[in-house]
Amino acid sequence: MNSNSRTNIGRKPAIDRIAESLFVTTRQIEGGVIAFRLIATLPLMMLMFASRERLPYWEFAIAAIATMFIANLWLRTTNNRKRIPLLRLALIGSAIDTALLLTVSFLAIRASANINSTSEMWLIFPLVILTFVYRTKPFVGIAYAVLLTAWYSANIIGFFDPSDRAVTELPIRATFFVLIGGLAAILGNSLRQ
């Protein structure tokens, strides 16, 4: 029993081990990423509100962006006061952003296809890709960009008619997502060295 308690004392929580395997960041970089997400929420909300006639579930999109804003205010306070380990903070922020993006994009893309309207949700994907990839290990960042691109592509192909503008523009958008993710991974890695 005594030796078992000794091994548990030196063992890191699973969330910290996962965060260490994904992220390479500093307090300054994390603070910059959080500030970027806070600043990006206002134009995103304005864009979603302006597109409300063409964007079904626009209320969910604005609610998700507001949730992202509130979460990032909390993350900023937590980062400044150093309440949570840095890599865990990066993991929590990225998990919140990704979960909100996947949920709202699924609803918005599906509803947009039902009314034959091109979804503006694609504009949010590069921002989430950039904020995740910039502070991760290069391979992890590129894999994340590819996975988010696959998610977006599968939703577009699954819900829209093959002759729709969203499907015809898909190769350009998918290439853009992967390129921006790859470039951010390379740039982030070179700046850390």
N, C-alpha and C. Protein backbone atom coordinates (compact mmCIF):
# COMPACT_ATOMS: atom_id res chain seq x y z
N MET A 1 0.82 -1.19 0.00
CA MET A 1 0.00 0.00 0.00
C MET A 1 0.87 1.25 0.00
N ASN A 2 1.97 1.21 0.73
CA ASN A 2 2.87 2.34 0.80
C ASN A 2 3.54 2.59 -0.55
N SER A 3 3.98 1.53 -1.24
CA SER A 3 4.63 1.72 -2.54
C SER A 3 3.64 2.19 -3.59
N ASN A 4 2.38 1.78 -3.47
CA ASN A 4 1.35 2.20 -4.40
C ASN A 4 1.09 3.70 -4.27
N SER A 5 1.08 4.22 -3.05
CA SER A 5 0.86 5.65 -2.85
C SER A 5 2.05 6.46 -3.35
N ARG A 6 3.26 5.90 -3.29
CA ARG A 6 4.43 6.60 -3.81
C ARG A 6 4.36 6.75 -5.33
N THR A 7 3.91 5.72 -6.03
CA THR A 7 3.84 5.81 -7.49
C THR A 7 2.75 6.77 -7.94
N ASN A 8 1.67 6.90 -7.18
CA ASN A 8 0.61 7.83 -7.55
C ASN A 8 1.00 9.28 -7.31
N ILE A 9 1.90 9.53 -6.36
CA ILE A 9 2.33 10.89 -6.07
C ILE A 9 3.10 11.47 -7.25
N GLY A 10 3.99 10.70 -7.85
CA GLY A 10 4.81 11.19 -8.95
C GLY A 10 4.13 11.13 -10.30
N ARG A 11 2.96 10.58 -10.38
CA ARG A 11 2.27 10.41 -11.65
C ARG A 11 1.45 11.66 -11.99
N LYS A 12 1.55 12.11 -13.24
CA LYS A 12 0.79 13.27 -13.69
C LYS A 12 -0.62 12.86 -14.06
N PRO A 13 -1.57 13.77 -13.91
CA PRO A 13 -2.94 13.47 -14.36
C PRO A 13 -2.96 13.24 -15.88
N ALA A 14 -3.92 12.47 -16.33
CA ALA A 14 -4.03 12.13 -17.75
C ALA A 14 -4.19 13.37 -18.62
N ILE A 15 -4.94 14.37 -18.14
CA ILE A 15 -5.14 15.57 -18.93
C ILE A 15 -3.82 16.30 -19.17
N ASP A 16 -2.93 16.29 -18.19
CA ASP A 16 -1.62 16.93 -18.37
C ASP A 16 -0.75 16.14 -19.34
N ARG A 17 -0.81 14.82 -19.28
CA ARG A 17 -0.03 14.01 -20.23
C ARG A 17 -0.53 14.21 -21.66
N ILE A 18 -1.84 14.30 -21.84
CA ILE A 18 -2.40 14.56 -23.17
C ILE A 18 -1.97 15.94 -23.65
N ALA A 19 -2.07 16.93 -22.79
CA ALA A 19 -1.69 18.30 -23.16
C ALA A 19 -0.22 18.38 -23.54
N GLU A 20 0.65 17.68 -22.79
CA GLU A 20 2.08 17.69 -23.11
C GLU A 20 2.37 17.03 -24.45
N SER A 21 1.57 16.04 -24.82
CA SER A 21 1.81 15.37 -26.10
C SER A 21 1.32 16.20 -27.28
N LEU A 22 0.46 17.18 -27.04
CA LEU A 22 -0.10 17.98 -28.13
C LEU A 22 0.50 19.37 -28.27
N PHE A 23 0.74 20.05 -27.15
CA PHE A 23 1.04 21.48 -27.18
C PHE A 23 2.48 21.79 -26.81
N VAL A 24 2.98 22.85 -27.43
CA VAL A 24 4.26 23.46 -27.10
C VAL A 24 3.98 24.96 -27.11
N THR A 25 3.82 25.54 -25.94
CA THR A 25 3.43 26.94 -25.88
C THR A 25 4.08 27.62 -24.68
N THR A 26 3.95 28.93 -24.64
CA THR A 26 4.43 29.73 -23.50
C THR A 26 3.26 30.57 -23.00
N ARG A 27 3.44 31.19 -21.85
CA ARG A 27 2.38 32.06 -21.32
C ARG A 27 2.09 33.21 -22.28
N GLN A 28 3.14 33.76 -22.90
CA GLN A 28 2.95 34.88 -23.82
C GLN A 28 2.19 34.43 -25.07
N ILE A 29 2.56 33.29 -25.63
CA ILE A 29 1.87 32.79 -26.82
C ILE A 29 0.42 32.47 -26.47
N GLU A 30 0.21 31.82 -25.35
CA GLU A 30 -1.16 31.47 -24.94
C GLU A 30 -1.98 32.73 -24.71
N GLY A 31 -1.37 33.73 -24.08
CA GLY A 31 -2.07 35.01 -23.88
C GLY A 31 -2.41 35.68 -25.20
N GLY A 32 -1.49 35.60 -26.16
CA GLY A 32 -1.75 36.16 -27.49
C GLY A 32 -2.86 35.43 -28.22
N VAL A 33 -2.87 34.11 -28.12
CA VAL A 33 -3.92 33.31 -28.76
C VAL A 33 -5.28 33.63 -28.14
N ILE A 34 -5.32 33.74 -26.82
CA ILE A 34 -6.58 34.06 -26.14
C ILE A 34 -7.04 35.46 -26.56
N ALA A 35 -6.12 36.42 -26.61
CA ALA A 35 -6.48 37.77 -27.05
C ALA A 35 -7.00 37.76 -28.48
N PHE A 36 -6.36 36.98 -29.36
CA PHE A 36 -6.81 36.86 -30.75
C PHE A 36 -8.24 36.32 -30.80
N ARG A 37 -8.52 35.29 -30.01
CA ARG A 37 -9.87 34.72 -30.00
C ARG A 37 -10.88 35.72 -29.45
N LEU A 38 -10.49 36.49 -28.44
CA LEU A 38 -11.39 37.50 -27.90
C LEU A 38 -11.69 38.59 -28.93
N ILE A 39 -10.66 39.05 -29.62
CA ILE A 39 -10.83 40.09 -30.63
C ILE A 39 -11.63 39.56 -31.83
N ALA A 40 -11.40 38.31 -32.21
CA ALA A 40 -12.07 37.74 -33.38
C ALA A 40 -13.56 37.51 -33.16
N THR A 41 -14.00 37.44 -31.91
CA THR A 41 -15.42 37.14 -31.68
C THR A 41 -16.34 38.26 -32.13
N LEU A 42 -15.94 39.50 -32.00
CA LEU A 42 -16.82 40.61 -32.39
C LEU A 42 -17.11 40.62 -33.89
N PRO A 43 -16.09 40.59 -34.77
CA PRO A 43 -16.43 40.55 -36.20
C PRO A 43 -17.19 39.29 -36.60
N LEU A 44 -16.89 38.17 -35.93
CA LEU A 44 -17.62 36.94 -36.24
C LEU A 44 -19.10 37.08 -35.88
N MET A 45 -19.38 37.66 -34.71
CA MET A 45 -20.77 37.87 -34.33
C MET A 45 -21.47 38.81 -35.32
N MET A 46 -20.77 39.87 -35.72
CA MET A 46 -21.35 40.81 -36.67
C MET A 46 -21.62 40.14 -38.01
N LEU A 47 -20.69 39.30 -38.45
CA LEU A 47 -20.88 38.58 -39.71
C LEU A 47 -22.07 37.63 -39.63
N MET A 48 -22.17 36.89 -38.55
CA MET A 48 -23.29 35.96 -38.38
C MET A 48 -24.62 36.71 -38.30
N PHE A 49 -24.63 37.83 -37.60
CA PHE A 49 -25.86 38.61 -37.50
C PHE A 49 -26.25 39.19 -38.86
N ALA A 50 -25.27 39.69 -39.61
CA ALA A 50 -25.55 40.25 -40.94
C ALA A 50 -26.03 39.18 -41.92
N SER A 51 -25.61 37.94 -41.71
CA SER A 51 -25.98 36.83 -42.61
C SER A 51 -27.19 36.05 -42.11
N ARG A 52 -27.91 36.59 -41.15
CA ARG A 52 -28.96 35.81 -40.49
C ARG A 52 -30.06 35.34 -41.44
N GLU A 53 -30.34 36.08 -42.52
CA GLU A 53 -31.37 35.63 -43.46
C GLU A 53 -30.92 34.39 -44.22
N ARG A 54 -29.62 34.28 -44.46
CA ARG A 54 -29.09 33.15 -45.22
C ARG A 54 -28.52 32.07 -44.31
N LEU A 55 -28.44 32.32 -43.05
CA LEU A 55 -27.80 31.38 -42.13
C LEU A 55 -28.80 30.83 -41.13
N PRO A 56 -29.33 29.64 -41.41
CA PRO A 56 -30.20 29.03 -40.42
C PRO A 56 -29.39 28.75 -39.14
N TYR A 57 -30.06 28.73 -38.06
CA TYR A 57 -29.42 28.52 -36.76
C TYR A 57 -28.43 29.63 -36.43
N TRP A 58 -28.64 30.82 -36.97
CA TRP A 58 -27.71 31.90 -36.70
C TRP A 58 -27.68 32.22 -35.21
N GLU A 59 -28.79 31.98 -34.53
CA GLU A 59 -28.82 32.21 -33.09
C GLU A 59 -27.84 31.30 -32.37
N PHE A 60 -27.76 30.03 -32.84
CA PHE A 60 -26.81 29.09 -32.24
C PHE A 60 -25.37 29.52 -32.52
N ALA A 61 -25.15 30.03 -33.73
CA ALA A 61 -23.80 30.49 -34.07
C ALA A 61 -23.39 31.66 -33.17
N ILE A 62 -24.29 32.61 -32.99
CA ILE A 62 -23.98 33.75 -32.12
C ILE A 62 -23.84 33.29 -30.67
N ALA A 63 -24.69 32.37 -30.24
CA ALA A 63 -24.57 31.84 -28.87
C ALA A 63 -23.24 31.11 -28.68
N ALA A 64 -22.81 30.36 -29.69
CA ALA A 64 -21.53 29.66 -29.60
C ALA A 64 -20.37 30.65 -29.54
N ILE A 65 -20.45 31.70 -30.34
CA ILE A 65 -19.40 32.71 -30.34
C ILE A 65 -19.39 33.45 -29.00
N ALA A 66 -20.57 33.75 -28.45
CA ALA A 66 -20.64 34.38 -27.13
C ALA A 66 -20.08 33.46 -26.05
N THR A 67 -20.37 32.17 -26.16
CA THR A 67 -19.81 31.19 -25.22
C THR A 67 -18.29 31.16 -25.33
N MET A 68 -17.80 31.20 -26.58
CA MET A 68 -16.36 31.22 -26.80
C MET A 68 -15.75 32.47 -26.16
N PHE A 69 -16.43 33.61 -26.30
CA PHE A 69 -15.94 34.86 -25.71
C PHE A 69 -15.87 34.75 -24.19
N ILE A 70 -16.93 34.25 -23.57
CA ILE A 70 -16.96 34.11 -22.11
C ILE A 70 -15.89 33.12 -21.64
N ALA A 71 -15.77 32.01 -22.35
CA ALA A 71 -14.75 31.01 -21.99
C ALA A 71 -13.36 31.61 -22.10
N ASN A 72 -13.13 32.41 -23.14
CA ASN A 72 -11.81 33.00 -23.31
C ASN A 72 -11.53 34.11 -22.31
N LEU A 73 -12.56 34.80 -21.83
CA LEU A 73 -12.34 35.74 -20.72
C LEU A 73 -11.87 34.99 -19.49
N TRP A 74 -12.52 33.86 -19.20
CA TRP A 74 -12.10 33.03 -18.07
C TRP A 74 -10.68 32.50 -18.29
N LEU A 75 -10.39 32.03 -19.52
CA LEU A 75 -9.05 31.52 -19.81
C LEU A 75 -7.99 32.61 -19.66
N ARG A 76 -8.33 33.83 -20.08
CA ARG A 76 -7.37 34.94 -19.95
C ARG A 76 -7.08 35.23 -18.48
N THR A 77 -8.11 35.29 -17.67
CA THR A 77 -7.92 35.52 -16.23
C THR A 77 -7.11 34.39 -15.61
N THR A 78 -7.44 33.17 -15.99
CA THR A 78 -6.73 32.01 -15.46
C THR A 78 -5.27 32.02 -15.90
N ASN A 79 -5.01 32.39 -17.15
CA ASN A 79 -3.64 32.46 -17.66
C ASN A 79 -2.85 33.54 -16.94
N ASN A 80 -3.46 34.71 -16.76
CA ASN A 80 -2.76 35.81 -16.09
C ASN A 80 -2.45 35.51 -14.63
N ARG A 81 -3.33 34.79 -13.97
CA ARG A 81 -3.12 34.46 -12.55
C ARG A 81 -2.42 33.13 -12.35
N LYS A 82 -2.16 32.42 -13.43
CA LYS A 82 -1.44 31.13 -13.41
C LYS A 82 -2.12 30.12 -12.50
N ARG A 83 -3.44 30.03 -12.59
CA ARG A 83 -4.20 29.10 -11.76
C ARG A 83 -4.14 27.67 -12.26
N ILE A 84 -4.03 27.51 -13.58
CA ILE A 84 -4.04 26.19 -14.20
C ILE A 84 -2.72 26.03 -14.95
N PRO A 85 -2.14 24.84 -14.95
CA PRO A 85 -0.92 24.64 -15.74
C PRO A 85 -1.14 25.05 -17.20
N LEU A 86 -0.11 25.62 -17.77
CA LEU A 86 -0.20 26.23 -19.10
C LEU A 86 -0.70 25.28 -20.18
N LEU A 87 -0.14 24.09 -20.25
CA LEU A 87 -0.53 23.17 -21.31
C LEU A 87 -1.97 22.69 -21.11
N ARG A 88 -2.39 22.55 -19.88
CA ARG A 88 -3.78 22.17 -19.60
C ARG A 88 -4.71 23.30 -20.05
N LEU A 89 -4.29 24.53 -19.83
CA LEU A 89 -5.06 25.70 -20.27
C LEU A 89 -5.23 25.70 -21.79
N ALA A 90 -4.15 25.39 -22.50
CA ALA A 90 -4.22 25.32 -23.97
C ALA A 90 -5.17 24.22 -24.42
N LEU A 91 -5.13 23.09 -23.75
CA LEU A 91 -6.01 21.98 -24.10
C LEU A 91 -7.47 22.33 -23.83
N ILE A 92 -7.76 22.95 -22.71
CA ILE A 92 -9.14 23.33 -22.38
C ILE A 92 -9.68 24.33 -23.39
N GLY A 93 -8.90 25.37 -23.70
CA GLY A 93 -9.34 26.37 -24.67
C GLY A 93 -9.59 25.77 -26.05
N SER A 94 -8.69 24.90 -26.48
CA SER A 94 -8.86 24.27 -27.79
C SER A 94 -10.04 23.31 -27.81
N ALA A 95 -10.25 22.61 -26.72
CA ALA A 95 -11.40 21.68 -26.65
C ALA A 95 -12.72 22.44 -26.72
N ILE A 96 -12.80 23.56 -26.01
CA ILE A 96 -14.03 24.37 -26.05
C ILE A 96 -14.27 24.89 -27.46
N ASP A 97 -13.24 25.48 -28.08
CA ASP A 97 -13.38 26.01 -29.44
C ASP A 97 -13.80 24.93 -30.42
N THR A 98 -13.14 23.78 -30.35
CA THR A 98 -13.42 22.71 -31.30
C THR A 98 -14.82 22.15 -31.11
N ALA A 99 -15.23 21.93 -29.86
CA ALA A 99 -16.57 21.39 -29.61
C ALA A 99 -17.65 22.33 -30.11
N LEU A 100 -17.48 23.62 -29.85
CA LEU A 100 -18.46 24.60 -30.33
C LEU A 100 -18.49 24.64 -31.85
N LEU A 101 -17.32 24.63 -32.47
CA LEU A 101 -17.25 24.69 -33.93
C LEU A 101 -17.92 23.48 -34.57
N LEU A 102 -17.62 22.29 -34.07
CA LEU A 102 -18.19 21.08 -34.67
C LEU A 102 -19.71 21.04 -34.51
N THR A 103 -20.20 21.42 -33.35
CA THR A 103 -21.64 21.38 -33.11
C THR A 103 -22.38 22.39 -33.98
N VAL A 104 -21.95 23.64 -33.93
CA VAL A 104 -22.66 24.68 -34.66
C VAL A 104 -22.49 24.52 -36.17
N SER A 105 -21.32 24.12 -36.62
CA SER A 105 -21.13 23.96 -38.06
C SER A 105 -22.01 22.84 -38.60
N PHE A 106 -22.15 21.76 -37.84
CA PHE A 106 -23.02 20.67 -38.27
C PHE A 106 -24.45 21.17 -38.43
N LEU A 107 -24.97 21.88 -37.43
CA LEU A 107 -26.34 22.39 -37.50
C LEU A 107 -26.50 23.40 -38.63
N ALA A 108 -25.57 24.33 -38.74
CA ALA A 108 -25.69 25.39 -39.74
C ALA A 108 -25.55 24.86 -41.16
N ILE A 109 -24.61 23.97 -41.39
CA ILE A 109 -24.41 23.43 -42.74
C ILE A 109 -25.62 22.59 -43.15
N ARG A 110 -26.11 21.78 -42.25
CA ARG A 110 -27.28 20.95 -42.56
C ARG A 110 -28.50 21.82 -42.86
N ALA A 111 -28.73 22.82 -42.03
CA ALA A 111 -29.89 23.70 -42.25
C ALA A 111 -29.73 24.54 -43.50
N SER A 112 -28.51 24.99 -43.79
CA SER A 112 -28.27 25.76 -45.01
C SER A 112 -28.56 24.92 -46.25
N ALA A 113 -28.20 23.67 -46.21
CA ALA A 113 -28.48 22.78 -47.35
C ALA A 113 -29.98 22.58 -47.52
N ASN A 114 -30.71 22.53 -46.42
CA ASN A 114 -32.17 22.34 -46.51
C ASN A 114 -32.88 23.50 -47.18
N ILE A 115 -32.34 24.71 -47.06
CA ILE A 115 -32.99 25.86 -47.70
C ILE A 115 -32.20 26.34 -48.92
N ASN A 116 -31.26 25.52 -49.39
CA ASN A 116 -30.45 25.84 -50.58
C ASN A 116 -29.73 27.17 -50.44
N SER A 117 -29.10 27.38 -49.32
CA SER A 117 -28.33 28.59 -49.07
C SER A 117 -26.91 28.20 -48.70
N THR A 118 -25.94 28.88 -49.27
CA THR A 118 -24.55 28.58 -48.95
C THR A 118 -24.24 29.06 -47.54
N SER A 119 -23.65 28.20 -46.75
CA SER A 119 -23.34 28.52 -45.36
C SER A 119 -22.08 29.38 -45.28
N GLU A 120 -22.10 30.34 -44.38
CA GLU A 120 -20.93 31.18 -44.12
C GLU A 120 -20.06 30.60 -43.01
N MET A 121 -20.40 29.41 -42.54
CA MET A 121 -19.66 28.80 -41.44
C MET A 121 -18.20 28.55 -41.79
N TRP A 122 -17.88 28.45 -43.06
CA TRP A 122 -16.51 28.16 -43.44
C TRP A 122 -15.55 29.25 -42.97
N LEU A 123 -16.05 30.46 -42.74
CA LEU A 123 -15.19 31.56 -42.32
C LEU A 123 -14.63 31.36 -40.91
N ILE A 124 -15.29 30.55 -40.10
CA ILE A 124 -14.83 30.34 -38.73
C ILE A 124 -13.73 29.29 -38.66
N PHE A 125 -13.74 28.34 -39.59
CA PHE A 125 -12.77 27.24 -39.55
C PHE A 125 -11.31 27.72 -39.56
N PRO A 126 -10.91 28.66 -40.45
CA PRO A 126 -9.50 29.08 -40.42
C PRO A 126 -9.07 29.69 -39.09
N LEU A 127 -9.98 30.41 -38.43
CA LEU A 127 -9.62 31.02 -37.13
C LEU A 127 -9.36 29.95 -36.08
N VAL A 128 -10.21 28.94 -36.04
CA VAL A 128 -10.02 27.87 -35.05
C VAL A 128 -8.77 27.07 -35.39
N ILE A 129 -8.56 26.81 -36.68
CA ILE A 129 -7.35 26.08 -37.10
C ILE A 129 -6.10 26.86 -36.69
N LEU A 130 -6.09 28.16 -36.97
CA LEU A 130 -4.91 28.98 -36.63
C LEU A 130 -4.62 28.97 -35.14
N THR A 131 -5.64 29.18 -34.33
CA THR A 131 -5.39 29.28 -32.89
C THR A 131 -4.96 27.95 -32.29
N PHE A 132 -5.36 26.84 -32.89
CA PHE A 132 -4.93 25.54 -32.38
C PHE A 132 -3.54 25.20 -32.88
N VAL A 133 -3.36 25.32 -34.18
CA VAL A 133 -2.14 24.82 -34.83
C VAL A 133 -0.91 25.62 -34.44
N TYR A 134 -1.06 26.91 -34.25
CA TYR A 134 0.08 27.78 -34.00
C TYR A 134 0.87 27.37 -32.76
N ARG A 135 0.20 26.77 -31.78
CA ARG A 135 0.89 26.45 -30.53
C ARG A 135 1.00 24.96 -30.26
N THR A 136 0.81 24.15 -31.28
CA THR A 136 0.97 22.71 -31.12
C THR A 136 2.26 22.23 -31.75
N LYS A 137 2.54 20.97 -31.53
CA LYS A 137 3.65 20.34 -32.25
C LYS A 137 3.25 20.26 -33.72
N PRO A 138 4.22 20.42 -34.64
CA PRO A 138 3.88 20.54 -36.07
C PRO A 138 3.00 19.41 -36.61
N PHE A 139 3.34 18.17 -36.31
CA PHE A 139 2.55 17.06 -36.85
C PHE A 139 1.13 17.08 -36.30
N VAL A 140 0.98 17.39 -35.03
CA VAL A 140 -0.34 17.46 -34.40
C VAL A 140 -1.17 18.56 -35.05
N GLY A 141 -0.55 19.71 -35.29
CA GLY A 141 -1.26 20.83 -35.91
C GLY A 141 -1.73 20.52 -37.32
N ILE A 142 -0.87 19.90 -38.10
CA ILE A 142 -1.25 19.55 -39.47
C ILE A 142 -2.36 18.50 -39.45
N ALA A 143 -2.25 17.53 -38.56
CA ALA A 143 -3.30 16.50 -38.44
C ALA A 143 -4.63 17.13 -38.03
N TYR A 144 -4.59 18.10 -37.13
CA TYR A 144 -5.81 18.80 -36.71
C TYR A 144 -6.44 19.54 -37.88
N ALA A 145 -5.62 20.24 -38.66
CA ALA A 145 -6.13 20.97 -39.83
C ALA A 145 -6.77 20.01 -40.82
N VAL A 146 -6.13 18.87 -41.05
CA VAL A 146 -6.68 17.87 -41.98
C VAL A 146 -8.00 17.31 -41.44
N LEU A 147 -8.06 17.02 -40.14
CA LEU A 147 -9.29 16.46 -39.56
C LEU A 147 -10.45 17.46 -39.60
N LEU A 148 -10.18 18.72 -39.29
CA LEU A 148 -11.25 19.72 -39.38
C LEU A 148 -11.70 19.92 -40.82
N THR A 149 -10.75 19.88 -41.74
CA THR A 149 -11.08 19.99 -43.16
C THR A 149 -11.93 18.81 -43.60
N ALA A 150 -11.60 17.63 -43.13
CA ALA A 150 -12.39 16.43 -43.46
C ALA A 150 -13.80 16.55 -42.89
N TRP A 151 -13.91 17.06 -41.67
CA TRP A 151 -15.23 17.27 -41.06
C TRP A 151 -16.07 18.22 -41.91
N TYR A 152 -15.48 19.35 -42.26
CA TYR A 152 -16.19 20.35 -43.08
C TYR A 152 -16.57 19.75 -44.42
N SER A 153 -15.64 19.08 -45.07
CA SER A 153 -15.89 18.50 -46.39
C SER A 153 -16.98 17.44 -46.34
N ALA A 154 -16.94 16.59 -45.33
CA ALA A 154 -17.96 15.54 -45.20
C ALA A 154 -19.35 16.14 -45.01
N ASN A 155 -19.44 17.20 -44.23
CA ASN A 155 -20.74 17.85 -44.04
C ASN A 155 -21.23 18.51 -45.32
N ILE A 156 -20.35 19.17 -46.04
CA ILE A 156 -20.75 19.82 -47.29
C ILE A 156 -21.19 18.76 -48.30
N ILE A 157 -20.39 17.73 -48.48
CA ILE A 157 -20.72 16.68 -49.45
C ILE A 157 -21.98 15.92 -49.01
N GLY A 158 -22.13 15.70 -47.72
CA GLY A 158 -23.27 14.95 -47.22
C GLY A 158 -24.59 15.68 -47.30
N PHE A 159 -24.59 16.99 -47.18
CA PHE A 159 -25.84 17.72 -47.11
C PHE A 159 -26.20 18.51 -48.37
N PHE A 160 -25.21 18.95 -49.12
CA PHE A 160 -25.49 19.79 -50.29
C PHE A 160 -25.59 18.96 -51.56
N ASP A 161 -26.35 19.47 -52.51
CA ASP A 161 -26.47 18.87 -53.83
C ASP A 161 -25.12 19.00 -54.55
N PRO A 162 -24.71 18.00 -55.33
CA PRO A 162 -23.40 18.06 -55.99
C PRO A 162 -23.20 19.27 -56.90
N SER A 163 -24.28 19.84 -57.41
CA SER A 163 -24.14 21.00 -58.29
C SER A 163 -24.17 22.33 -57.53
N ASP A 164 -24.33 22.29 -56.23
CA ASP A 164 -24.41 23.50 -55.43
C ASP A 164 -23.06 24.22 -55.36
N ARG A 165 -23.13 25.52 -55.17
CA ARG A 165 -21.92 26.34 -55.08
C ARG A 165 -21.01 25.90 -53.94
N ALA A 166 -21.58 25.48 -52.83
CA ALA A 166 -20.78 25.04 -51.68
C ALA A 166 -19.91 23.84 -52.05
N VAL A 167 -20.45 22.93 -52.87
CA VAL A 167 -19.69 21.75 -53.28
C VAL A 167 -18.64 22.12 -54.32
N THR A 168 -18.99 23.00 -55.25
CA THR A 168 -18.01 23.38 -56.28
C THR A 168 -16.86 24.18 -55.70
N GLU A 169 -17.11 24.95 -54.64
CA GLU A 169 -16.04 25.72 -54.00
C GLU A 169 -15.28 24.92 -52.94
N LEU A 170 -15.74 23.72 -52.65
CA LEU A 170 -15.13 22.90 -51.60
C LEU A 170 -13.64 22.63 -51.81
N PRO A 171 -13.18 22.26 -53.01
CA PRO A 171 -11.73 22.01 -53.15
C PRO A 171 -10.87 23.23 -52.82
N ILE A 172 -11.35 24.41 -53.18
CA ILE A 172 -10.59 25.63 -52.89
C ILE A 172 -10.55 25.88 -51.38
N ARG A 173 -11.69 25.75 -50.73
CA ARG A 173 -11.75 25.98 -49.28
C ARG A 173 -10.95 24.92 -48.52
N ALA A 174 -11.07 23.67 -48.94
CA ALA A 174 -10.34 22.60 -48.26
C ALA A 174 -8.83 22.80 -48.39
N THR A 175 -8.39 23.18 -49.59
CA THR A 175 -6.97 23.45 -49.80
C THR A 175 -6.52 24.61 -48.92
N PHE A 176 -7.34 25.65 -48.84
CA PHE A 176 -7.03 26.81 -48.01
C PHE A 176 -6.89 26.41 -46.54
N PHE A 177 -7.82 25.59 -46.04
CA PHE A 177 -7.77 25.15 -44.64
C PHE A 177 -6.48 24.40 -44.34
N VAL A 178 -6.14 23.45 -45.21
CA VAL A 178 -4.95 22.63 -44.97
C VAL A 178 -3.68 23.48 -45.11
N LEU A 179 -3.64 24.36 -46.11
CA LEU A 179 -2.47 25.22 -46.27
C LEU A 179 -2.29 26.16 -45.08
N ILE A 180 -3.36 26.77 -44.63
CA ILE A 180 -3.23 27.69 -43.50
C ILE A 180 -2.81 26.93 -42.24
N GLY A 181 -3.31 25.72 -42.07
CA GLY A 181 -2.89 24.90 -40.94
C GLY A 181 -1.44 24.49 -41.03
N GLY A 182 -1.00 24.07 -42.21
CA GLY A 182 0.39 23.68 -42.41
C GLY A 182 1.35 24.85 -42.22
N LEU A 183 1.00 26.00 -42.79
CA LEU A 183 1.86 27.18 -42.65
C LEU A 183 1.92 27.65 -41.20
N ALA A 184 0.80 27.62 -40.50
CA ALA A 184 0.80 28.03 -39.09
C ALA A 184 1.63 27.07 -38.25
N ALA A 185 1.57 25.77 -38.57
CA ALA A 185 2.38 24.79 -37.83
C ALA A 185 3.86 25.03 -38.06
N ILE A 186 4.24 25.28 -39.29
CA ILE A 186 5.65 25.54 -39.61
C ILE A 186 6.11 26.85 -38.98
N LEU A 187 5.31 27.89 -39.11
CA LEU A 187 5.67 29.19 -38.55
C LEU A 187 5.77 29.12 -37.03
N GLY A 188 4.78 28.50 -36.39
CA GLY A 188 4.81 28.37 -34.94
C GLY A 188 6.02 27.61 -34.46
N ASN A 189 6.37 26.54 -35.17
CA ASN A 189 7.54 25.74 -34.79
C ASN A 189 8.83 26.52 -34.98
N SER A 190 8.94 27.26 -36.08
CA SER A 190 10.18 28.01 -36.32
C SER A 190 10.33 29.17 -35.33
N LEU A 191 9.24 29.77 -34.91
CA LEU A 191 9.32 30.86 -33.94
C LEU A 191 9.71 30.37 -32.55
N ARG A 192 9.37 29.13 -32.23
CA ARG A 192 9.72 28.58 -30.92
C ARG A 192 11.18 28.18 -30.84
N GLN A 193 11.85 27.99 -31.96
CA GLN A 193 13.24 27.51 -31.94
C GLN A 193 14.22 28.63 -31.76
